[in-house]
Amino acid sequence: MTKKIHGCTAEMRARLSGPMPSIKTPFLRDGGVDYRGLRRLIDFNLGAGAKALMLTAGDSHYVALTEKEIAEVTKVTVQHTAGRALVIAADRYYHTTQSVKFARYAKEVGADLLMVMPPDWGGSCTTRSMAEHYQPVAEVMPVMLVTNVFISRGQKFGLETLEIVRDTVPNVVAVKDDMVGEFARKMALLVHDRWAVVSGGQKQNHLLTHPYGCDGYLSTFISFKPEISHAYWKAITRNDLAGARRIIRDYDFPFFELVMGLPGGFNAGIQAIHELTGVAQRWRRKPYHSLTDEQFEGLRTGLKKLRILP
C-alpha cells in the first residue's frame, strides 16, 4: 500500500506548476495507434521543458481506445518518459472496483499520479458516494481529481464533493479544473492549501484563477511552440500581468479562434499541427473528422499569418 500523503508535497507541487501538456494520442491513417509518434511527442514536450506529462480521458482520445490500448498508451508513456518528468495516468468513467484495478496497473508500470474520473450517468452519484469512490483508489497511489465530472451537476455539487474529499481522503494531492470561472476561483480557495491546482486549457483560465491559488495549467503551445508557453509563465512568475495579458491577446485568442473554427474542431487542428511540425500525423479514428489536404494547408497558412509557425 502506498504511504498516505495528507496533501501535496512541496516537490510534487513544484512539478505540477507552470505549463504542462496533455498528451494527444496520435494515430496512423489506418486508425492504428501511432506509438512511434507518441514517443516523438513525448520527447518534444520533454525537450520543451515540461515537468509533467498528463494523459486525459478527453485529449488522449480514450473514448476511441480500447481498454487494452489505454493500458498500452499508459505504459509506453511511462517507459519512454523514463523518469524525466512526472507522468499523470488517467482512467475514464470506471466504476470503483475497475478504477482500483487500473490504479494498481498504473502504479505497477510506474505512473506517478492517477487522474480519476468517476462515472455519473443520469446523476447517479451523491456527493458522498462520489467522494467515497476516491478512497480505495487513493490507497493504491496518489490521486488527481478532475472537475469535468461536475459540469453536469453544477457548482454546489462539485464544491461539496471536493470538500468531503479534502477532509476525508488522504493521498489526494491535486485537482485539474475544467469548469473554470467562478467555480474555479471558489475551488482554489477551498483546496489549494492542501492540493496542487491545475487549470485546464487556455491561459485566460489560469490567469483568472491564479490569484486564488492555481499552480499550473494545461498548455497547448508547449507541444509545438513552447516559447509562447514559457514567455507567459515568465510573466506570471514576475507578476507582470500586462505581459501575460499581451500574450493572451496576441497568441491565445487568435490561435483558438482559428483552430476552434476548423471542421472537426480543436482536436482535429492539434493533430494536424503535429503533422505540420513533423512529430506525428493528422489522422483520427472515424467517425471523427481528420483535416483534408485543403483544410490542412489552410491551417498552415493561418498559423503563418499568426506568426506561430514559420
Protein backbone atom coordinates (compact mmCIF):
# COMPACT_ATOMS: atom_id res chain seq x y z
CA MET A 1 0.00 0.00 0.00
CA THR A 2 1.27 3.50 -0.86
CA LYS A 3 2.23 5.71 2.06
CA LYS A 4 -0.62 8.11 2.75
CA ILE A 5 0.10 11.71 1.89
CA HIS A 6 -2.10 14.28 3.59
CA GLY A 7 -1.97 16.80 0.78
CA CYS A 8 0.51 17.68 -1.93
CA THR A 9 4.22 17.69 -1.11
CA ALA A 10 6.27 20.74 -1.99
CA GLU A 11 8.24 18.69 -4.52
CA MET A 12 5.13 17.45 -6.31
CA ARG A 13 3.53 20.90 -6.30
CA ALA A 14 6.67 22.30 -7.94
CA ARG A 15 6.44 19.68 -10.71
CA LEU A 16 2.75 20.48 -11.23
CA SER A 17 3.47 24.20 -11.56
CA GLY A 18 3.78 26.08 -14.84
CA PRO A 19 2.81 24.89 -18.32
CA MET A 20 2.27 21.19 -18.95
CA PRO A 21 0.95 19.23 -21.93
CA SER A 22 -1.93 16.85 -22.09
CA ILE A 23 -0.80 14.11 -24.44
CA LYS A 24 -2.94 13.68 -27.56
CA THR A 25 -2.80 10.05 -28.68
CA PRO A 26 -1.58 10.08 -32.31
CA PHE A 27 -2.98 7.72 -34.94
CA LEU A 28 -1.89 6.28 -38.26
CA ARG A 29 -4.01 6.75 -41.35
CA ASP A 30 -5.40 3.22 -40.98
CA GLY A 31 -6.58 4.02 -37.44
CA GLY A 32 -3.85 2.22 -35.53
CA VAL A 33 -2.25 3.92 -32.55
CA ASP A 34 0.96 5.62 -33.69
CA TYR A 35 3.31 4.60 -30.89
CA ARG A 36 6.34 5.96 -32.73
CA GLY A 37 4.58 9.31 -33.00
CA LEU A 38 3.63 9.10 -29.30
CA ARG A 39 7.28 8.69 -28.36
CA ARG A 40 8.29 11.64 -30.55
CA LEU A 41 5.55 13.74 -28.97
CA ILE A 42 6.82 12.86 -25.50
CA ASP A 43 10.38 13.75 -26.50
CA PHE A 44 9.27 17.08 -27.94
CA ASN A 45 7.42 18.05 -24.76
CA LEU A 46 10.29 17.00 -22.53
CA GLY A 47 12.68 18.96 -24.71
CA ALA A 48 10.34 21.92 -24.35
CA GLY A 49 10.82 21.81 -20.58
CA ALA A 50 7.65 20.05 -19.42
CA LYS A 51 7.96 18.88 -15.81
CA ALA A 52 4.83 16.76 -16.01
CA LEU A 53 3.01 14.89 -18.78
CA MET A 54 -0.72 14.41 -18.45
CA LEU A 55 -2.83 11.69 -20.03
CA THR A 56 -6.53 12.55 -20.03
CA ALA A 57 -9.73 10.76 -20.93
CA GLY A 58 -10.50 13.55 -23.42
CA ASP A 59 -7.33 14.81 -25.11
CA SER A 60 -5.74 11.36 -25.06
CA HIS A 61 -8.72 10.09 -27.06
CA TYR A 62 -9.76 7.42 -24.54
CA VAL A 63 -13.30 7.38 -25.94
CA ALA A 64 -11.78 5.98 -29.14
CA LEU A 65 -9.40 3.49 -27.48
CA THR A 66 -9.97 0.00 -26.12
CA GLU A 67 -9.10 -0.82 -22.52
CA LYS A 68 -6.04 -2.68 -23.79
CA GLU A 69 -4.92 0.36 -25.81
CA ILE A 70 -5.40 2.70 -22.83
CA ALA A 71 -3.18 0.39 -20.79
CA GLU A 72 -0.56 0.29 -23.55
CA VAL A 73 -0.57 4.07 -24.10
CA THR A 74 -0.07 4.48 -20.35
CA LYS A 75 2.81 2.02 -20.24
CA VAL A 76 4.55 3.45 -23.32
CA THR A 77 4.25 6.97 -21.93
CA VAL A 78 5.74 5.99 -18.59
CA GLN A 79 8.51 3.86 -20.07
CA HIS A 80 9.54 6.42 -22.68
CA THR A 81 9.45 9.29 -20.19
CA ALA A 82 11.82 7.21 -18.06
CA GLY A 83 11.66 9.47 -15.02
CA ARG A 84 12.40 12.66 -16.97
CA ALA A 85 9.07 14.14 -15.87
CA LEU A 86 6.07 13.33 -13.72
CA VAL A 87 3.56 11.10 -15.52
CA ILE A 88 -0.13 11.52 -14.73
CA ALA A 89 -2.12 8.49 -15.85
CA ALA A 90 -5.90 8.65 -16.26
CA ASP A 91 -8.92 6.42 -16.08
CA ARG A 92 -12.26 7.02 -17.83
CA TYR A 93 -15.62 6.64 -16.07
CA TYR A 94 -14.55 3.41 -14.35
CA HIS A 95 -16.69 2.03 -11.53
CA THR A 96 -14.86 1.86 -8.22
CA THR A 97 -13.57 -1.71 -8.48
CA GLN A 98 -12.37 -1.12 -12.04
CA SER A 99 -10.72 2.17 -11.07
CA VAL A 100 -8.84 0.45 -8.24
CA LYS A 101 -7.71 -2.28 -10.64
CA PHE A 102 -6.44 0.30 -13.13
CA ALA A 103 -4.69 2.19 -10.32
CA ARG A 104 -2.79 -0.97 -9.44
CA TYR A 105 -1.78 -1.32 -13.07
CA ALA A 106 -0.75 2.34 -13.39
CA LYS A 107 1.33 2.08 -10.23
CA GLU A 108 2.93 -1.15 -11.44
CA VAL A 109 4.06 0.38 -14.74
CA GLY A 110 5.44 3.43 -12.89
CA ALA A 111 2.94 6.28 -13.24
CA ASP A 112 3.26 8.97 -10.56
CA LEU A 113 -0.38 10.05 -10.20
CA LEU A 114 -3.74 8.82 -11.41
CA MET A 115 -6.38 11.25 -12.62
CA VAL A 116 -9.69 9.69 -11.57
CA MET A 117 -12.94 10.43 -13.41
CA PRO A 118 -15.88 8.61 -11.78
CA PRO A 119 -18.99 7.63 -13.74
CA ASP A 120 -22.14 9.65 -13.02
CA TRP A 121 -24.63 8.66 -15.72
CA GLY A 122 -28.04 10.18 -15.11
CA GLY A 123 -26.87 11.99 -11.99
CA SER A 124 -26.48 8.62 -10.28
CA CYS A 125 -23.92 9.70 -7.64
CA THR A 126 -24.41 11.67 -4.46
CA THR A 127 -21.69 13.95 -3.16
CA ARG A 128 -20.89 11.32 -0.52
CA SER A 129 -20.86 8.31 -2.85
CA MET A 130 -18.67 10.14 -5.35
CA ALA A 131 -16.26 11.19 -2.61
CA GLU A 132 -16.12 7.61 -1.36
CA HIS A 133 -15.13 6.45 -4.86
CA TYR A 134 -11.70 8.08 -4.47
CA GLN A 135 -10.84 6.47 -1.13
CA PRO A 136 -9.80 2.95 -2.25
CA VAL A 137 -8.09 4.33 -5.37
CA ALA A 138 -6.03 6.74 -3.26
CA GLU A 139 -4.99 3.81 -1.05
CA VAL A 140 -3.17 2.43 -4.12
CA MET A 141 -1.44 5.57 -5.42
CA PRO A 142 -1.64 9.39 -5.33
CA VAL A 143 -4.79 10.75 -6.96
CA MET A 144 -5.63 13.82 -9.01
CA LEU A 145 -9.29 14.78 -9.25
CA VAL A 146 -10.78 16.31 -12.41
CA THR A 147 -13.76 18.65 -12.23
CA ASN A 148 -15.11 17.68 -15.65
CA VAL A 149 -17.32 15.18 -13.84
CA PHE A 150 -19.05 18.04 -12.02
CA ILE A 151 -20.03 20.04 -15.12
CA SER A 152 -23.45 18.42 -15.48
CA ARG A 153 -24.08 18.57 -11.71
CA GLY A 154 -23.27 22.21 -11.10
CA GLN A 155 -21.15 24.29 -8.78
CA LYS A 156 -22.78 23.34 -5.46
CA PHE A 157 -22.43 19.59 -6.07
CA GLY A 158 -18.82 19.94 -7.16
CA LEU A 159 -17.68 22.10 -4.27
CA GLU A 160 -19.43 19.92 -1.69
CA THR A 161 -17.80 16.79 -3.14
CA LEU A 162 -14.37 18.41 -3.14
CA GLU A 163 -14.78 19.49 0.47
CA ILE A 164 -15.67 15.95 1.56
CA VAL A 165 -12.70 14.51 -0.33
CA ARG A 166 -10.35 17.15 1.06
CA ASP A 167 -11.39 16.34 4.61
CA THR A 168 -11.70 12.54 4.41
CA VAL A 169 -9.43 11.07 1.71
CA PRO A 170 -5.66 11.05 2.28
CA ASN A 171 -3.38 10.75 -0.75
CA VAL A 172 -5.44 13.00 -2.98
CA VAL A 173 -2.79 15.52 -3.99
CA ALA A 174 -4.09 17.57 -6.93
CA VAL A 175 -7.10 18.67 -8.93
CA LYS A 176 -7.36 19.56 -12.62
CA ASP A 177 -10.13 22.04 -13.34
CA ASP A 178 -12.40 22.03 -16.40
CA MET A 179 -15.29 24.13 -15.07
CA VAL A 180 -13.35 27.44 -14.87
CA GLY A 181 -14.92 30.79 -13.99
CA GLU A 182 -16.48 31.34 -10.57
CA PHE A 183 -16.30 27.65 -9.75
CA ALA A 184 -12.53 27.57 -10.32
CA ARG A 185 -11.96 30.53 -8.01
CA LYS A 186 -14.07 29.04 -5.22
CA MET A 187 -12.44 25.65 -5.74
CA ALA A 188 -8.94 27.14 -5.45
CA LEU A 189 -9.83 28.89 -2.20
CA LEU A 190 -11.26 25.60 -0.91
CA VAL A 191 -8.43 23.20 -1.70
CA HIS A 192 -5.21 24.98 -2.70
CA ASP A 193 -3.72 24.83 0.79
CA ARG A 194 -3.84 21.03 0.50
CA TRP A 195 -3.71 20.18 -3.20
CA ALA A 196 -1.94 21.42 -6.30
CA VAL A 197 -4.42 23.13 -8.62
CA VAL A 198 -4.03 22.81 -12.39
CA SER A 199 -6.16 24.87 -14.75
CA GLY A 200 -7.36 23.05 -17.83
CA GLY A 201 -6.94 24.74 -21.17
CA GLN A 202 -6.09 28.31 -22.21
CA LYS A 203 -4.02 30.86 -20.36
CA GLN A 204 -7.00 33.11 -19.72
CA ASN A 205 -8.49 30.49 -17.39
CA HIS A 206 -5.22 30.18 -15.50
CA LEU A 207 -4.84 33.95 -15.23
CA LEU A 208 -8.34 34.32 -13.78
CA THR A 209 -7.73 31.60 -11.17
CA HIS A 210 -4.08 32.32 -10.33
CA PRO A 211 -4.73 34.96 -7.62
CA TYR A 212 -6.92 32.47 -5.75
CA GLY A 213 -4.36 29.64 -5.82
CA CYS A 214 -3.51 27.93 -9.11
CA ASP A 215 -0.16 26.26 -9.67
CA GLY A 216 -0.08 25.07 -13.27
CA TYR A 217 -2.08 24.97 -16.45
CA LEU A 218 -2.53 22.74 -19.45
CA SER A 219 -0.61 24.34 -22.27
CA THR A 220 -1.47 23.76 -25.92
CA PHE A 221 1.54 25.70 -27.17
CA ILE A 222 4.17 23.73 -25.26
CA SER A 223 3.65 20.84 -27.71
CA PHE A 224 4.63 22.86 -30.79
CA LYS A 225 5.60 26.46 -29.89
CA PRO A 226 6.97 26.31 -26.34
CA GLU A 227 8.45 29.82 -26.49
CA ILE A 228 4.92 31.18 -26.06
CA SER A 229 4.24 28.97 -23.04
CA HIS A 230 7.46 29.96 -21.33
CA ALA A 231 7.01 33.66 -22.08
CA TYR A 232 3.60 33.57 -20.39
CA TRP A 233 4.91 31.68 -17.38
CA LYS A 234 7.86 34.04 -17.04
CA ALA A 235 5.40 36.94 -16.97
CA ILE A 236 3.34 35.19 -14.28
CA THR A 237 6.35 34.46 -12.06
CA ARG A 238 7.44 38.10 -12.35
CA ASN A 239 3.90 39.29 -11.60
CA ASP A 240 3.94 41.00 -14.99
CA LEU A 241 0.20 40.88 -15.59
CA ALA A 242 0.38 43.29 -18.51
CA GLY A 243 2.86 40.97 -20.24
CA ALA A 244 0.66 37.94 -19.56
CA ARG A 245 -2.36 39.75 -21.00
CA ARG A 246 -0.45 40.68 -24.14
CA ILE A 247 0.48 37.06 -24.79
CA ILE A 248 -3.15 36.02 -24.37
CA ARG A 249 -4.26 38.81 -26.70
CA ASP A 250 -1.61 38.26 -29.37
CA TYR A 251 -1.46 34.46 -29.39
CA ASP A 252 -4.14 32.61 -27.42
CA PHE A 253 -7.22 34.43 -28.63
CA PRO A 254 -6.38 34.38 -32.36
CA PHE A 255 -5.00 30.81 -32.22
CA PHE A 256 -8.04 29.32 -30.52
CA GLU A 257 -10.36 31.25 -32.82
CA LEU A 258 -8.55 29.64 -35.75
CA VAL A 259 -8.50 26.03 -34.51
CA MET A 260 -11.97 26.06 -32.95
CA GLY A 261 -13.36 27.11 -36.31
CA LEU A 262 -11.88 24.13 -38.16
CA PRO A 263 -14.04 21.21 -39.31
CA GLY A 264 -13.60 18.65 -36.56
CA GLY A 265 -12.79 21.34 -34.02
CA PHE A 266 -9.87 21.76 -31.66
CA ASN A 267 -8.53 18.21 -31.62
CA ALA A 268 -8.56 17.91 -35.41
CA GLY A 269 -6.48 21.07 -35.53
CA ILE A 270 -3.99 19.95 -32.90
CA GLN A 271 -3.46 16.57 -34.55
CA ALA A 272 -2.83 18.39 -37.83
CA ILE A 273 -0.31 20.72 -36.15
CA HIS A 274 1.62 17.66 -35.01
CA GLU A 275 1.93 16.71 -38.67
CA LEU A 276 2.94 20.25 -39.62
CA THR A 277 5.78 20.10 -37.08
CA GLY A 278 6.83 16.59 -38.14
CA VAL A 279 6.07 14.95 -34.80
CA ALA A 280 3.08 12.76 -35.69
CA GLN A 281 0.28 12.51 -38.24
CA ARG A 282 -3.03 14.34 -38.52
CA TRP A 283 -5.34 11.30 -38.55
CA ARG A 284 -8.06 10.50 -36.06
CA ARG A 285 -10.24 7.42 -35.75
CA LYS A 286 -13.53 7.50 -37.62
CA PRO A 287 -16.14 8.82 -37.31
CA TYR A 288 -14.03 11.76 -36.12
CA HIS A 289 -13.03 14.13 -38.88
CA SER A 290 -9.39 14.46 -39.93
CA LEU A 291 -8.42 17.57 -41.88
CA THR A 292 -8.42 17.19 -45.66
CA ASP A 293 -5.36 18.29 -47.61
CA GLU A 294 -7.08 21.59 -48.43
CA GLN A 295 -8.03 22.20 -44.80
CA PHE A 296 -4.55 21.19 -43.71
CA GLU A 297 -2.96 23.78 -46.00
CA GLY A 298 -5.45 26.38 -44.81
CA LEU A 299 -4.37 25.73 -41.23
CA ARG A 300 -0.72 26.06 -42.24
CA THR A 301 -1.46 29.43 -43.87
CA GLY A 302 -3.41 30.61 -40.82
CA LEU A 303 -0.62 29.70 -38.41
CA LYS A 304 1.92 31.51 -40.56
CA LYS A 305 -0.24 34.66 -40.53
CA LEU A 306 -0.35 34.46 -36.74
CA ARG A 307 3.45 34.05 -36.63
CA ILE A 308 3.01 30.81 -34.69
CA LEU A 309 4.68 28.57 -37.25
CA PRO A 310 7.32 29.58 -39.84
